[in-house]
Amino acid sequence: MQTRKELATVGSTDREFFSVQQPATGSRLVTCAAETILFGQPPDIVKGLLSRGITRFDTLVLPDTRERDGSLLNHLEFPLYSFLFVSRGLSEGRKLNLVGDPDAISQALRLLRITLNGPIAAELERWNCDPELKSDWLKVSRDLALKDPSGEVIPVERLFNLLPFDNDHVQTPGVAIQRLSPDCFEITSRGDSVVVDLNNDERILAPYPVVPDYIASGLSKFGIEVLGGASGFSTTEPCSGLVLCFNGDYLLIDAIPFLNQLLVARGIAKNQISALFLTHLHDDHCAMFPLMEMPHRVEVITTREIFNMAMEKLACGLGWQPAVVAEHFELVEVQPGQSINYFGLNIEVHTTVHSIPTIGATFSTPHRGRMRDVCIVGDNQNMARVEQMLKSGIVRESTVENLRRLYHQHFNLLIADGGAGDIHGDPQDALQSQSDRVVFVHVEDVPETLKATFSVVSSGKRYNLIDGDDSVYLIQASRFLSRWLGQTIPNRWLNNLLIEQEIARYNAEDVMLVQGSSSRGAVYLILTGYCDVVRMDQQKRHTVARLQAGDVIGEMAVLSGTGVRNASVIARSPVTVCVFEEQTFGNFIQHSGLEDTLKICWQVRPMVKSLPQFAALSPTVVDSIAVAATVVELAAGETYRGSASSCAILVEGRASADDQPAEAVVAGDEFGWRPHRAARMASVNASSPCTLLQLDGENLARLISDCPQLNYHTRKHLQASCVSEVDWLLGEVPLHQPIDG
């Protein structure tokens, strides 16, 4: 799809013809006689190109905007694979042109070096890697790396012609590119030009069908839900990503592209995700940026080496220092060959043979006297090739012996790499498996001769090993209520609430509550999925909030006494709710001393949401800020003095500050203690009635530390509004030396 502006600037056919296509939102492909240029590289861009029959491009132009709509926009790994192997750039001796600012180019090369060739010895030593494991990983990476005719590994920088912008201009072999403004470019060739503007794409959507569930599947005590099962080149299916459900909590197994959209399609809220098991860094498994916007800190279960690589990958993608990116996550370190008990879930970790450090795991739990287990092999070279690598001394006998065991022993469910190709597995490897079920990822289909033996993982499938019951939902209800209230609920009140509860399920798109209708004596706690809060105004529908598991619906009607719904609620995905009796819920709030706190929260909530630094936050996070805030009202002529121990933010009104008397204070300006920058010890002088929100500095710092979403958007707002005070940007990075910070 082309915008009107882009169509209007296409050159005349008698001199040069430009074709402008949109292979995926967040990108444009410009083709002329001299060159084909890809502007912007959102996740799974290659799938969008292949679905349109596009297999060749000559130039990549890095976008100025690193992130939009929950996705990074500079995913170069699979475009490089496509250039090297699909359009045969490597065999034909061509190089890919890479255009961008010098720091962005250096970060892109650093990222590709990590994901294509893996870490270098100095990095593994810095991370205190086990010497034998370090030897395995370095030897395997070298053996599987791209090599020149002499057998030497090709450095990633030799795959590109590096073309940095100079004063917003660059000349490629075939065209001239001028950056008119951020993410807006003019391409000129033979006297004609065309303009592409990536800013027109507000939403970044998957370039393949995302088929939603309509019916809530129910929480299991132990099972696997499939977000996707295909390779990074499939045009019809998401990449291989799984979610393990254990006692109602969800553990991601890898973070695949378009994670947010795929979770909505399955009816899994981000509030339900507690952890990520990360196998390795390739783009079809490690697109972790959405987890930086989580309402709570996600634990990353992986080796220290893979975690550090992932933080560096995110840092290079976002342009922030690795230490700052790492603030948004919590590492749960595991080591190959060892087991951990993760809140009752046993996780036994193993290594695989892949082009970069990669792990898999067996997840197990006891149930009625016997173990239930699922083995996820992880990306792995086919076993015939692994055996050859053993004979050549590239891998250890213990590594190969363990892989043989995984393909032969009994599991309730074995999920294996069936992708074939140069660095993936072969379904034949599992022919001797004793497992109850064997299913494959990284492949769209298995050979006809194996279809009566094996099946393929695909988006929307579920594998329940232990079915759930209502007790799972009650555990979730207790946990979500405590989080919503910010305190532990006394057992007797909790029992009183839950004894009369009812579990209700809604299809996607069901109208759950109707604006203007009676409250009918019920309060709803969302247990799974997402809902939209919608108001009708002059025959127009406005989405005023998006709720997810852990949010409460209808509590305002209880305490305000109106008994009337002030908005409709529509299920955005399959939804499960816990329905409380209104009077019982009201008594609980009143007698537990929370009534005044909640009423203040309702009053302050719209003020928090109106501030630019908090506008993108989810309702869960907005409520956390609202509960901690104090409203300060200033009459015209009054003065507020900033304090080093608290942060005051102007909400509305006209005012000036004594440190910048010539400039008006605007909504969102902060005084006193400020997150991520120096305090502003200035006085606010109100020239009209003004409202400020005051937050204790220690409390706000704790909220920022505990809530990745708040941390990220606070930093993002500061970077956009006052980049001179930002000290965490990455800048140019070395290709083969550790990054400090």
Foldseek 3Di string as FASTA:
>chain_A
DADPQQVVQADDPVFKGWDWDPLFQLWIWIDIPQFIEIEWAWALSLLSCVVVVHQDGAEYEYAPAQDAQLTGTGDCQVVLVSCCPVVVCVVVVHAHEYEEAQQLVQLVLQLNCCQQQNADPVLCVVLVHDPQVSLLQNLLLLVLADADPVSGHDRSVVRYDYWYDDQQWTDDPAWIWGDPDGQWIWIDGRHGIGIDHSVVRNHGDDQADQAAFFAQPAAFQWWKAWLFFAASNHNHAAAGWIWIGHLQAIETAFQARPNVSSQQRNQFDLVRYAEYEQFADPRRGHRCSSLLQGQFAYEYEEASSRVQSSLSSVCSSNQFFSVLSCLRYHYDHDDAQDWDQDVQKIWHKHWARFNGTGIWTKIWHDDPHRIAIETEGTFHAELVVVVVCVVVVSHDPVNSVVVLCLLAEEHQEYEAACQDDSRGYNPVSNPNHPYPAYEYGNHPAHDPVCPVPHYYDGHGDMTHPGGDDVVSQLVLVQVLVCLLLVHHAPPVLSCLFPVPKDKDKGTAFDWPFAAFDFLVQKKKAWATGKKFWWDADPNDIDGPAIDGHSDIPDLCCLLVVPRGHHTIIGGNGITMIIITGSVSVSVSCVVVVNSVLVVQLVVCLVLQCQAQLRVPHHPSLSSLVSSQKDKDKDAAFDKDWAAQFKKKFWRDAWWAKPVCRVDIRDGNDIAHHDPLFDHHGIMIHGRHITMIIMGGPVSVVVSLSGTSSSVVSNLVVCCVPPVVRHDGRQGRDDNNDDGDD
